[in-house]
PDB file of N, CA and C in Angstrom:
ATOM      1  N   UNK A   1      47.396  46.012  -9.814  1.00  0.00           N
ATOM      2  CA  UNK A   1      46.543  45.728  -8.627  1.00  0.00           C
ATOM      3  C   UNK A   1      46.144  44.221  -8.582  1.00  0.00           C
ATOM      4  N   UNK A   2      45.862  43.465  -9.369  1.00  0.00           N
ATOM      5  CA  UNK A   2      45.866  42.154  -9.055  1.00  0.00           C
ATOM      6  C   UNK A   2      46.856  41.455  -8.316  1.00  0.00           C
ATOM      7  N   UNK A   3      48.031  41.620  -8.746  1.00  0.00           N
ATOM      8  CA  UNK A   3      49.220  41.159  -8.139  1.00  0.00           C
ATOM      9  C   UNK A   3      49.499  41.698  -6.663  1.00  0.00           C
ATOM     10  N   UNK A   4      49.028  42.895  -6.343  1.00  0.00           N
ATOM     11  CA  UNK A   4      49.046  43.459  -5.105  1.00  0.00           C
ATOM     12  C   UNK A   4      47.983  42.797  -4.234  1.00  0.00           C
ATOM     13  N   UNK A   5      46.747  42.600  -4.581  1.00  0.00           N
ATOM     14  CA  UNK A   5      45.611  42.006  -3.867  1.00  0.00           C
ATOM     15  C   UNK A   5      46.108  40.432  -3.670  1.00  0.00           C
ATOM     16  N   UNK A   6      46.743  39.709  -4.788  1.00  0.00           N
ATOM     17  CA  UNK A   6      46.866  38.141  -4.367  1.00  0.00           C
ATOM     18  C   UNK A   6      48.096  38.322  -3.325  1.00  0.00           C
ATOM     19  N   UNK A   7      48.811  39.047  -3.523  1.00  0.00           N
ATOM     20  CA  UNK A   7      50.491  39.266  -2.700  1.00  0.00           C
ATOM     21  C   UNK A   7      49.948  39.450  -1.231  1.00  0.00           C
ATOM     22  N   UNK A   8      48.863  40.277  -0.927  1.00  0.00           N
ATOM     23  CA  UNK A   8      48.469  40.551   0.411  1.00  0.00           C
ATOM     24  C   UNK A   8      47.778  39.557   1.013  1.00  0.00           C
ATOM     25  N   UNK A   9      47.069  38.556   0.153  1.00  0.00           N
ATOM     26  CA  UNK A   9      46.145  37.487   0.686  1.00  0.00           C
ATOM     27  C   UNK A   9      46.967  36.345   0.873  1.00  0.00           C
ATOM     28  N   UNK A  10      47.977  36.210   0.266  1.00  0.00           N
ATOM     29  CA  UNK A  10      49.189  35.266   0.412  1.00  0.00           C
ATOM     30  C   UNK A  10      50.253  35.579   1.103  1.00  0.00           C
ATOM     31  N   UNK A  11      50.426  35.959   2.254  1.00  0.00           N
ATOM     32  CA  UNK A  11      51.535  36.687   2.746  1.00  0.00           C
ATOM     33  C   UNK A  11      52.652  35.678   3.182  1.00  0.00           C
ATOM     34  N   UNK A  12      52.587  34.177   3.251  1.00  0.00           N
ATOM     35  CA  UNK A  12      53.549  33.360   3.570  1.00  0.00           C
ATOM     36  C   UNK A  12      53.987  32.556   2.363  1.00  0.00           C
ATOM     37  N   UNK A  13      53.651  33.085   1.005  1.00  0.00           N
ATOM     38  CA  UNK A  13      54.136  32.166  -0.132  1.00  0.00           C
ATOM     39  C   UNK A  13      55.575  32.820  -0.503  1.00  0.00           C
ATOM     40  N   UNK A  14      56.490  31.895  -0.495  1.00  0.00           N
ATOM     41  CA  UNK A  14      57.994  32.120  -0.963  1.00  0.00           C
ATOM     42  C   UNK A  14      58.045  32.492  -2.297  1.00  0.00           C
ATOM     43  N   UNK A  15      58.732  33.548  -2.731  1.00  0.00           N
ATOM     44  CA  UNK A  15      58.829  33.433  -4.210  1.00  0.00           C
ATOM     45  C   UNK A  15      60.374  33.723  -4.546  1.00  0.00           C
ATOM     46  N   UNK A  16      60.513  33.498  -5.799  1.00  0.00           N
ATOM     47  CA  UNK A  16      61.920  33.634  -6.276  1.00  0.00           C
ATOM     48  C   UNK A  16      61.939  34.432  -7.576  1.00  0.00           C
ATOM     49  N   UNK A  17      62.697  35.068  -7.826  1.00  0.00           N
ATOM     50  CA  UNK A  17      62.779  35.976  -8.971  1.00  0.00           C
ATOM     51  C   UNK A  17      64.070  35.880  -9.892  1.00  0.00           C
ATOM     52  N   UNK A  18      63.814  35.193 -10.879  1.00  0.00           N
ATOM     53  CA  UNK A  18      64.832  34.809 -11.613  1.00  0.00           C
ATOM     54  C   UNK A  18      65.920  34.042 -11.169  1.00  0.00           C
ATOM     55  N   UNK A  19      65.734  33.237 -10.138  1.00  0.00           N
ATOM     56  CA  UNK A  19      66.631  32.749  -9.331  1.00  0.00           C
ATOM     57  C   UNK A  19      67.886  33.453  -8.465  1.00  0.00           C
ATOM     58  N   UNK A  20      67.441  34.594  -8.715  1.00  0.00           N
ATOM     59  CA  UNK A  20      68.602  35.716  -8.007  1.00  0.00           C
ATOM     60  C   UNK A  20      68.004  36.296  -6.599  1.00  0.00           C
ATOM     61  N   UNK A  21      66.834  36.450  -6.375  1.00  0.00           N
ATOM     62  CA  UNK A  21      66.126  37.049  -5.411  1.00  0.00           C
ATOM     63  C   UNK A  21      65.081  36.210  -4.659  1.00  0.00           C
ATOM     64  N   UNK A  22      65.289  35.861  -3.441  1.00  0.00           N
ATOM     65  CA  UNK A  22      64.141  35.269  -2.756  1.00  0.00           C
ATOM     66  C   UNK A  22      63.453  36.176  -1.860  1.00  0.00           C
ATOM     67  N   UNK A  23      62.126  36.084  -1.806  1.00  0.00           N
ATOM     68  CA  UNK A  23      61.344  36.887  -0.950  1.00  0.00           C
ATOM     69  C   UNK A  23      59.954  36.327  -0.491  1.00  0.00           C
ATOM     70  N   UNK A  24      59.214  36.870   0.244  1.00  0.00           N
ATOM     71  CA  UNK A  24      57.831  36.546   0.343  1.00  0.00           C
ATOM     72  C   UNK A  24      56.780  37.381  -0.567  1.00  0.00           C
ATOM     73  N   UNK A  25      55.557  36.709  -0.682  1.00  0.00           N
ATOM     74  CA  UNK A  25      54.691  37.289  -1.634  1.00  0.00           C
ATOM     75  C   UNK A  25      54.329  38.834  -1.443  1.00  0.00           C
ATOM     76  N   UNK A  26      54.156  39.377  -0.207  1.00  0.00           N
ATOM     77  CA  UNK A  26      53.799  40.676  -0.193  1.00  0.00           C
ATOM     78  C   UNK A  26      54.943  41.910  -0.835  1.00  0.00           C
ATOM     79  N   UNK A  27      56.155  41.238  -1.212  1.00  0.00           N
ATOM     80  CA  UNK A  27      57.054  42.106  -1.866  1.00  0.00           C
ATOM     81  C   UNK A  27      57.064  42.037  -3.262  1.00  0.00           C
ATOM     82  N   UNK A  28      56.091  41.020  -3.880  1.00  0.00           N
ATOM     83  CA  UNK A  28      56.236  40.911  -5.134  1.00  0.00           C
ATOM     84  C   UNK A  28      55.840  42.241  -6.280  1.00  0.00           C
ATOM     85  N   UNK A  29      54.922  43.126  -5.632  1.00  0.00           N
ATOM     86  CA  UNK A  29      54.651  44.287  -6.463  1.00  0.00           C
ATOM     87  C   UNK A  29      55.728  45.210  -6.493  1.00  0.00           C
ATOM     88  N   UNK A  30      56.643  45.250  -5.373  1.00  0.00           N
ATOM     89  CA  UNK A  30      57.694  46.249  -5.249  1.00  0.00           C
ATOM     90  C   UNK A  30      58.917  45.602  -6.113  1.00  0.00           C
ATOM     91  N   UNK A  31      59.033  44.290  -6.018  1.00  0.00           N
ATOM     92  CA  UNK A  31      60.262  43.705  -6.973  1.00  0.00           C
ATOM     93  C   UNK A  31      59.991  43.956  -8.482  1.00  0.00           C
ATOM     94  N   UNK A  32      58.553  43.765  -8.826  1.00  0.00           N
ATOM     95  CA  UNK A  32      58.240  43.860 -10.171  1.00  0.00           C
ATOM     96  C   UNK A  32      58.328  45.400 -10.732  1.00  0.00           C
ATOM     97  N   UNK A  33      58.146  46.189  -9.794  1.00  0.00           N
ATOM     98  CA  UNK A  33      58.235  47.595  -9.927  1.00  0.00           C
ATOM     99  C   UNK A  33      59.713  48.210 -10.084  1.00  0.00           C
ATOM    100  N   UNK A  34      60.543  47.405  -9.161  1.00  0.00           N
ATOM    101  CA  UNK A  34      62.158  47.499  -9.150  1.00  0.00           C
ATOM    102  C   UNK A  34      62.616  47.192 -10.596  1.00  0.00           C
ATOM    103  N   UNK A  35      62.066  45.970 -10.994  1.00  0.00           N
ATOM    104  CA  UNK A  35      62.569  45.421 -12.289  1.00  0.00           C
ATOM    105  C   UNK A  35      61.971  46.209 -13.470  1.00  0.00           C
ATOM    106  N   UNK A  36      60.996  46.886 -13.538  1.00  0.00           N
ATOM    107  CA  UNK A  36      60.714  47.837 -14.669  1.00  0.00           C
ATOM    108  C   UNK A  36      61.573  48.996 -14.390  1.00  0.00           C
ATOM    109  N   UNK A  37      61.832  49.428 -13.168  1.00  0.00           N
ATOM    110  CA  UNK A  37      62.871  50.617 -13.278  1.00  0.00           C
ATOM    111  C   UNK A  37      64.139  50.441 -13.884  1.00  0.00           C
ATOM    112  N   UNK A  38      64.611  49.073 -13.507  1.00  0.00           N
ATOM    113  CA  UNK A  38      66.023  48.764 -14.065  1.00  0.00           C
ATOM    114  C   UNK A  38      65.843  48.509 -15.531  1.00  0.00           C
ATOM    115  N   UNK A  39      64.546  48.143 -16.112  1.00  0.00           N
ATOM    116  CA  UNK A  39      64.573  48.124 -17.662  1.00  0.00           C
ATOM    117  C   UNK A  39      64.346  49.447 -18.234  1.00  0.00           C
ATOM    118  N   UNK A  40      64.524  50.608 -17.430  1.00  0.00           N
ATOM    119  CA  UNK A  40      64.147  51.838 -17.939  1.00  0.00           C
ATOM    120  C   UNK A  40      62.651  52.251 -18.232  1.00  0.00           C
ATOM    121  N   UNK A  41      61.705  51.651 -17.802  1.00  0.00           N
ATOM    122  CA  UNK A  41      60.534  51.662 -18.017  1.00  0.00           C
ATOM    123  C   UNK A  41      59.813  52.942 -16.946  1.00  0.00           C
ATOM    124  N   UNK A  42      58.859  53.395 -17.185  1.00  0.00           N
ATOM    125  CA  UNK A  42      58.281  54.212 -16.362  1.00  0.00           C
ATOM    126  C   UNK A  42      57.625  53.258 -15.216  1.00  0.00           C
ATOM    127  N   UNK A  43      57.583  53.845 -14.071  1.00  0.00           N
ATOM    128  CA  UNK A  43      57.017  53.115 -13.018  1.00  0.00           C
ATOM    129  C   UNK A  43      55.748  53.806 -12.359  1.00  0.00           C
ATOM    130  N   UNK A  44      55.303  54.685 -13.254  1.00  0.00           N
ATOM    131  CA  UNK A  44      53.991  55.454 -13.016  1.00  0.00           C
ATOM    132  C   UNK A  44      52.822  54.206 -12.869  1.00  0.00           C
ATOM    133  N   UNK A  45      52.872  53.341 -13.786  1.00  0.00           N
ATOM    134  CA  UNK A  45      51.551  52.312 -14.018  1.00  0.00           C
ATOM    135  C   UNK A  45      52.029  51.395 -12.629  1.00  0.00           C
ATOM    136  N   UNK A  46      52.991  51.078 -12.277  1.00  0.00           N
ATOM    137  CA  UNK A  46      53.204  50.090 -11.147  1.00  0.00           C
ATOM    138  C   UNK A  46      52.841  50.762  -9.777  1.00  0.00           C
ATOM    139  N   UNK A  47      53.257  52.050  -9.679  1.00  0.00           N
ATOM    140  CA  UNK A  47      52.706  52.669  -8.640  1.00  0.00           C
ATOM    141  C   UNK A  47      51.314  52.874  -8.758  1.00  0.00           C
ATOM    142  N   UNK A  48      50.500  53.178  -9.662  1.00  0.00           N
ATOM    143  CA  UNK A  48      49.250  53.369  -9.628  1.00  0.00           C
ATOM    144  C   UNK A  48      48.283  52.008  -9.352  1.00  0.00           C
ATOM    145  N   UNK A  49      49.012  50.740  -9.899  1.00  0.00           N
ATOM    146  CA  UNK A  49      48.469  49.490  -9.547  1.00  0.00           C
ATOM    147  C   UNK A  49      48.670  49.081  -8.055  1.00  0.00           C
ATOM    148  N   UNK A  50      49.684  49.527  -7.503  1.00  0.00           N
ATOM    149  CA  UNK A  50      49.925  49.261  -6.219  1.00  0.00           C
ATOM    150  C   UNK A  50      48.811  50.115  -5.274  1.00  0.00           C
ATOM    151  N   UNK A  51      48.709  51.452  -5.499  1.00  0.00           N
ATOM    152  CA  UNK A  51      47.996  52.219  -5.017  1.00  0.00           C
ATOM    153  C   UNK A  51      46.290  51.666  -4.950  1.00  0.00           C
ATOM    154  N   UNK A  52      45.839  51.519  -6.181  1.00  0.00           N
ATOM    155  CA  UNK A  52      44.463  51.043  -6.275  1.00  0.00           C
ATOM    156  C   UNK A  52      44.345  49.691  -5.713  1.00  0.00           C
ATOM    157  N   UNK A  53      45.394  48.749  -5.775  1.00  0.00           N
ATOM    158  CA  UNK A  53      45.391  47.697  -5.062  1.00  0.00           C
ATOM    159  C   UNK A  53      45.310  47.486  -3.585  1.00  0.00           C
ATOM    160  N   UNK A  54      46.085  48.586  -3.014  1.00  0.00           N
ATOM    161  CA  UNK A  54      46.031  48.910  -1.721  1.00  0.00           C
ATOM    162  C   UNK A  54      44.712  49.397  -1.172  1.00  0.00           C
ATOM    163  N   UNK A  55      43.969  50.101  -1.891  1.00  0.00           N
ATOM    164  CA  UNK A  55      42.792  50.798  -1.749  1.00  0.00           C
ATOM    165  C   UNK A  55      41.700  49.630  -1.681  1.00  0.00           C
ATOM    166  N   UNK A  56      41.753  48.807  -2.878  1.00  0.00           N
ATOM    167  CA  UNK A  56      40.825  47.529  -2.743  1.00  0.00           C
ATOM    168  C   UNK A  56      41.138  46.715  -1.543  1.00  0.00           C
ATOM    169  N   UNK A  57      42.103  46.189  -1.526  1.00  0.00           N
ATOM    170  CA  UNK A  57      42.456  45.343  -0.353  1.00  0.00           C
ATOM    171  C   UNK A  57      41.998  45.916   1.118  1.00  0.00           C
ATOM    172  N   UNK A  58      42.244  47.055   1.328  1.00  0.00           N
ATOM    173  CA  UNK A  58      41.772  47.725   2.610  1.00  0.00           C
ATOM    174  C   UNK A  58      40.101  47.517   2.477  1.00  0.00           C
ATOM    175  N   UNK A  59      39.612  48.101   1.638  1.00  0.00           N
ATOM    176  CA  UNK A  59      38.106  48.126   1.616  1.00  0.00           C
ATOM    177  C   UNK A  59      37.492  46.796   1.592  1.00  0.00           C
ATOM    178  N   UNK A  60      37.976  45.885   1.173  1.00  0.00           N
ATOM    179  CA  UNK A  60      37.509  44.395   0.920  1.00  0.00           C
ATOM    180  C   UNK A  60      37.782  43.626   2.079  1.00  0.00           C
ATOM    181  N   UNK A  61      39.012  43.674   2.593  1.00  0.00           N
ATOM    182  CA  UNK A  61      39.657  42.562   3.484  1.00  0.00           C
ATOM    183  C   UNK A  61      39.963  43.142   4.880  1.00  0.00           C
ATOM    184  N   UNK A  62      40.408  44.344   4.971  1.00  0.00           N
ATOM    185  CA  UNK A  62      40.676  44.983   6.233  1.00  0.00           C
ATOM    186  C   UNK A  62      39.547  45.820   6.972  1.00  0.00           C
ATOM    187  N   UNK A  63      39.005  46.809   6.208  1.00  0.00           N
ATOM    188  CA  UNK A  63      37.942  47.415   6.975  1.00  0.00           C
ATOM    189  C   UNK A  63      36.651  46.629   7.122  1.00  0.00           C
ATOM    190  N   UNK A  64      36.271  45.756   6.908  1.00  0.00           N
ATOM    191  CA  UNK A  64      34.935  45.227   6.920  1.00  0.00           C
ATOM    192  C   UNK A  64      35.140  44.456   8.456  1.00  0.00           C
ATOM    193  N   UNK A  65      36.235  43.997   8.878  1.00  0.00           N
ATOM    194  CA  UNK A  65      36.559  43.140   9.974  1.00  0.00           C
ATOM    195  C   UNK A  65      37.012  43.954  11.421  1.00  0.00           C
ATOM    196  N   UNK A  66      37.214  45.219  10.990  1.00  0.00           N
ATOM    197  CA  UNK A  66      37.560  46.312  12.315  1.00  0.00           C
ATOM    198  C   UNK A  66      36.115  46.355  13.006  1.00  0.00           C
ATOM    199  N   UNK A  67      36.236  46.875  14.307  1.00  0.00           N
ATOM    200  CA  UNK A  67      34.898  47.080  15.103  1.00  0.00           C
ATOM    201  C   UNK A  67      34.371  48.432  14.405  1.00  0.00           C
ATOM    202  N   UNK A  68      32.982  48.412  14.281  1.00  0.00           N
ATOM    203  CA  UNK A  68      32.296  49.105  13.445  1.00  0.00           C
ATOM    204  C   UNK A  68      32.458  49.412  11.973  1.00  0.00           C
ATOM    205  N   UNK A  69      33.221  48.408  11.448  1.00  0.00           N
ATOM    206  CA  UNK A  69      33.613  48.353   9.870  1.00  0.00           C
ATOM    207  C   UNK A  69      32.393  47.799   9.206  1.00  0.00           C
ATOM    208  N   UNK A  70      32.185  48.351   7.997  1.00  0.00           N
ATOM    209  CA  UNK A  70      31.226  47.756   7.015  1.00  0.00           C
ATOM    210  C   UNK A  70      31.713  47.494   5.773  1.00  0.00           C
ATOM    211  N   UNK A  71      31.052  46.636   4.867  1.00  0.00           N
ATOM    212  CA  UNK A  71      31.545  46.239   3.608  1.00  0.00           C
ATOM    213  C   UNK A  71      31.145  47.263   2.541  1.00  0.00           C
ATOM    214  N   UNK A  72      31.859  48.053   2.015  1.00  0.00           N
ATOM    215  CA  UNK A  72      31.608  49.186   1.209  1.00  0.00           C
ATOM    216  C   UNK A  72      31.486  48.920  -0.182  1.00  0.00           C
ATOM    217  N   UNK A  73      32.312  48.047  -0.648  1.00  0.00           N
ATOM    218  CA  UNK A  73      32.287  47.441  -1.903  1.00  0.00           C
ATOM    219  C   UNK A  73      31.174  46.361  -2.028  1.00  0.00           C
ATOM    220  N   UNK A  74      30.389  46.372  -2.762  1.00  0.00           N
ATOM    221  CA  UNK A  74      29.214  45.355  -3.019  1.00  0.00           C
ATOM    222  C   UNK A  74      29.195  45.139  -4.799  1.00  0.00           C
ATOM    223  N   UNK A  75      28.827  43.749  -4.908  1.00  0.00           N
ATOM    224  CA  UNK A  75      28.794  43.508  -6.274  1.00  0.00           C
ATOM    225  C   UNK A  75      27.327  43.849  -6.541  1.00  0.00           C
ATOM    226  N   UNK A  76      27.226  44.491  -7.726  1.00  0.00           N
ATOM    227  CA  UNK A  76      25.927  45.041  -8.422  1.00  0.00           C
ATOM    228  C   UNK A  76      24.990  43.830  -8.633  1.00  0.00           C
ATOM    229  N   UNK A  77      23.452  43.894  -8.351  1.00  0.00           N
ATOM    230  CA  UNK A  77      22.864  42.833  -8.349  1.00  0.00           C
ATOM    231  C   UNK A  77      22.521  42.290  -9.764  1.00  0.00           C
ATOM    232  N   UNK A  78      22.946  43.048 -10.755  1.00  0.00           N
ATOM    233  CA  UNK A  78      22.610  42.567 -12.177  1.00  0.00           C
ATOM    234  C   UNK A  78      23.736  41.651 -12.369  1.00  0.00           C
ATOM    235  N   UNK A  79      25.073  42.000 -12.052  1.00  0.00           N
ATOM    236  CA  UNK A  79      26.213  40.736 -12.075  1.00  0.00           C
ATOM    237  C   UNK A  79      25.908  39.590 -11.224  1.00  0.00           C
ATOM    238  N   UNK A  80      25.304  39.728 -10.069  1.00  0.00           N
ATOM    239  CA  UNK A  80      24.755  38.580  -9.398  1.00  0.00           C
ATOM    240  C   UNK A  80      23.810  37.813  -9.935  1.00  0.00           C
ATOM    241  N   UNK A  81      22.898  38.306 -10.796  1.00  0.00           N
ATOM    242  CA  UNK A  81      21.656  37.595 -11.333  1.00  0.00           C
ATOM    243  C   UNK A  81      22.373  36.906 -12.527  1.00  0.00           C
ATOM    244  N   UNK A  82      23.282  37.420 -13.270  1.00  0.00           N
ATOM    245  CA  UNK A  82      23.847  37.032 -14.257  1.00  0.00           C
ATOM    246  C   UNK A  82      24.802  35.774 -13.924  1.00  0.00           C
ATOM    247  N   UNK A  83      25.884  35.928 -13.147  1.00  0.00           N
ATOM    248  CA  UNK A  83      26.759  34.881 -12.728  1.00  0.00           C
ATOM    249  C   UNK A  83      26.672  34.000 -11.556  1.00  0.00           C
ATOM    250  N   UNK A  84      25.891  34.419 -10.568  1.00  0.00           N
ATOM    251  CA  UNK A  84      25.682  33.443  -9.471  1.00  0.00           C
ATOM    252  C   UNK A  84      24.955  32.236  -9.926  1.00  0.00           C
ATOM    253  N   UNK A  85      25.499  30.935  -9.324  1.00  0.00           N
ATOM    254  CA  UNK A  85      25.033  29.760  -9.543  1.00  0.00           C
ATOM    255  C   UNK A  85      23.688  29.623  -9.064  1.00  0.00           C
ATOM    256  N   UNK A  86      22.623  29.116  -9.558  1.00  0.00           N
ATOM    257  CA  UNK A  86      21.246  28.828  -8.771  1.00  0.00           C
ATOM    258  C   UNK A  86      21.202  27.977  -7.772  1.00  0.00           C
ATOM    259  N   UNK A  87      20.373  28.372  -6.712  1.00  0.00           N
ATOM    260  CA  UNK A  87      20.243  27.412  -5.657  1.00  0.00           C
ATOM    261  C   UNK A  87      19.975  26.101  -5.881  1.00  0.00           C
ATOM    262  N   UNK A  88      20.329  25.038  -5.078  1.00  0.00           N
ATOM    263  CA  UNK A  88      20.140  23.684  -5.454  1.00  0.00           C
ATOM    264  C   UNK A  88      18.735  23.431  -5.176  1.00  0.00           C
ATOM    265  N   UNK A  89      18.101  22.698  -6.120  1.00  0.00           N
ATOM    266  CA  UNK A  89      16.508  22.382  -5.658  1.00  0.00           C
ATOM    267  C   UNK A  89      16.792  20.924  -5.107  1.00  0.00           C
ATOM    268  N   UNK A  90      15.998  20.650  -3.817  1.00  0.00           N
ATOM    269  CA  UNK A  90      16.173  19.388  -3.400  1.00  0.00           C
ATOM    270  C   UNK A  90      15.347  18.607  -3.902  1.00  0.00           C
ATOM    271  N   UNK A  91      14.328  18.858  -4.746  1.00  0.00           N
ATOM    272  CA  UNK A  91      13.424  17.821  -5.415  1.00  0.00           C
ATOM    273  C   UNK A  91      13.897  17.498  -6.788  1.00  0.00           C
ATOM    274  N   UNK A  92      14.838  18.063  -7.187  1.00  0.00           N
ATOM    275  CA  UNK A  92      15.448  17.727  -8.488  1.00  0.00           C
ATOM    276  C   UNK A  92      15.751  16.399  -8.578  1.00  0.00           C
ATOM    277  N   UNK A  93      15.521  15.525  -9.650  1.00  0.00           N
ATOM    278  CA  UNK A  93      15.806  14.168 -10.026  1.00  0.00           C
ATOM    279  C   UNK A  93      16.571  14.179 -11.080  1.00  0.00           C
ATOM    280  N   UNK A  94      17.860  14.036 -11.342  1.00  0.00           N
ATOM    281  CA  UNK A  94      18.594  13.917 -12.473  1.00  0.00           C
ATOM    282  C   UNK A  94      18.198  12.993 -13.454  1.00  0.00           C
ATOM    283  N   UNK A  95      18.293  13.233 -14.708  1.00  0.00           N
ATOM    284  CA  UNK A  95      18.094  12.107 -15.904  1.00  0.00           C
ATOM    285  C   UNK A  95      19.071  10.883 -15.461  1.00  0.00           C
ATOM    286  N   UNK A  96      18.907   9.632 -15.843  1.00  0.00           N
ATOM    287  CA  UNK A  96      19.945   8.614 -15.654  1.00  0.00           C
ATOM    288  C   UNK A  96      21.279   8.895 -16.378  1.00  0.00           C
ATOM    289  N   UNK A  97      21.277   9.504 -17.539  1.00  0.00           N
ATOM    290  CA  UNK A  97      22.609   9.852 -18.077  1.00  0.00           C
ATOM    291  C   UNK A  97      23.351  11.022 -17.334  1.00  0.00           C
ATOM    292  N   UNK A  98      22.676  11.609 -16.602  1.00  0.00           N
ATOM    293  CA  UNK A  98      23.169  12.868 -15.851  1.00  0.00           C
ATOM    294  C   UNK A  98      23.911  12.316 -14.628  1.00  0.00           C
ATOM    295  N   UNK A  99      23.591  11.096 -14.001  1.00  0.00           N
ATOM    296  CA  UNK A  99      24.083  10.610 -12.866  1.00  0.00           C
ATOM    297  C   UNK A  99      25.537  10.227 -12.999  1.00  0.00           C
ATOM    298  N   UNK A 100      26.276  10.391 -11.800  1.00  0.00           N
ATOM    299  CA  UNK A 100      27.558   9.765 -11.818  1.00  0.00           C
ATOM    300  C   UNK A 100      27.651   8.269 -12.032  1.00  0.00           C
ATOM    301  N   UNK A 101      28.349   7.822 -12.940  1.00  0.00           N
ATOM    302  CA  UNK A 101      28.557   6.423 -13.171  1.00  0.00           C
ATOM    303  C   UNK A 101      27.478   5.862 -14.054  1.00  0.00           C
ATOM    304  N   UNK A 102      26.695   6.809 -14.561  1.00  0.00           N
ATOM    305  CA  UNK A 102      25.467   6.234 -15.608  1.00  0.00           C
ATOM    306  C   UNK A 102      24.367   6.031 -15.006  1.00  0.00           C
ATOM    307  N   UNK A 103      23.737   4.844 -15.358  1.00  0.00           N
ATOM    308  CA  UNK A 103      22.383   4.428 -14.743  1.00  0.00           C
ATOM    309  C   UNK A 103      22.347   3.794 -13.449  1.00  0.00           C
ATOM    310  N   UNK A 104      21.431   3.859 -12.788  1.00  0.00           N
ATOM    311  CA  UNK A 104      21.529   3.137 -11.547  1.00  0.00           C
ATOM    312  C   UNK A 104      20.816   1.809 -11.736  1.00  0.00           C
ATOM    313  N   UNK A 105      21.425   0.681 -11.710  1.00  0.00           N
ATOM    314  CA  UNK A 105      21.173  -0.585 -11.926  1.00  0.00           C
ATOM    315  C   UNK A 105      20.528  -1.248 -11.006  1.00  0.00           C
ATOM    316  N   UNK A 106      20.403  -1.000  -9.715  1.00  0.00           N
ATOM    317  CA  UNK A 106      19.809  -1.670  -8.591  1.00  0.00           C
ATOM    318  C   UNK A 106      20.919  -2.639  -8.078  1.00  0.00           C
ATOM    319  N   UNK A 107      20.171  -3.405  -7.364  1.00  0.00           N
ATOM    320  CA  UNK A 107      20.936  -4.491  -6.460  1.00  0.00           C
ATOM    321  C   UNK A 107      21.349  -5.601  -7.359  1.00  0.00           C
ATOM    322  N   UNK A 108      20.473  -6.073  -8.388  1.00  0.00           N
ATOM    323  CA  UNK A 108      21.093  -7.188  -9.219  1.00  0.00           C
ATOM    324  C   UNK A 108      20.729  -8.460  -8.601  1.00  0.00           C
ATOM    325  N   UNK A 109      21.074  -9.540  -9.115  1.00  0.00           N
ATOM    326  CA  UNK A 109      20.853 -10.940  -8.702  1.00  0.00           C
ATOM    327  C   UNK A 109      22.080 -11.797  -8.810  1.00  0.00           C
ATOM    328  N   UNK A 110      22.257 -12.473  -7.848  1.00  0.00           N
ATOM    329  CA  UNK A 110      23.414 -13.421  -7.660  1.00  0.00           C
ATOM    330  C   UNK A 110      23.315 -14.447  -8.808  1.00  0.00           C
ATOM    331  N   UNK A 111      24.424 -14.771  -9.235  1.00  0.00           N
ATOM    332  CA  UNK A 111      24.580 -15.669 -10.198  1.00  0.00           C
ATOM    333  C   UNK A 111      24.579 -17.068  -9.582  1.00  0.00           C
ATOM    334  N   UNK A 112      23.910 -18.109 -10.173  1.00  0.00           N
ATOM    335  CA  UNK A 112      24.310 -19.621  -9.888  1.00  0.00           C
ATOM    336  C   UNK A 112      23.528 -19.715  -8.539  1.00  0.00           C
ATOM    337  N   UNK A 113      22.523 -18.859  -8.191  1.00  0.00           N
ATOM    338  CA  UNK A 113      22.081 -19.251  -6.751  1.00  0.00           C
ATOM    339  C   UNK A 113      20.780 -18.881  -6.507  1.00  0.00           C
TER     340      UNK A 113
END
C-alpha cells in the first residue's frame, strides 16, 4: 500500500530493478508483484496492497480536487492533539543557551580605539 501511494505521488522517478529493468515509479508495485510471482510466492498480498493503496490514493489525492469533491479521510482529533506541533508563540523569548550560536554578546567594543 505504501509503495503504491509513493509511486503514484512520484510519477517521474526513474527506477532500476536489479540492473535489468528500467521503468518509472508508477510501475513499481507491479514489478514487485511480478518478482513475487517469479519467486513462487502468492500475489494475493501484493494485489491487496495495490487495491488498498489505490483506494487511499484516490480518496486522499484525486477525489478532493475534483469539482464537488470533498476530503473524506480525516485525521482523528486525538492524533492531532498528540502529534501536531504547537503553534509558535510570538512572545516567546528563548533562554540564551537555546539561541543559535549561544549567547547574544552584543555589539562589543573596538580594540585600540
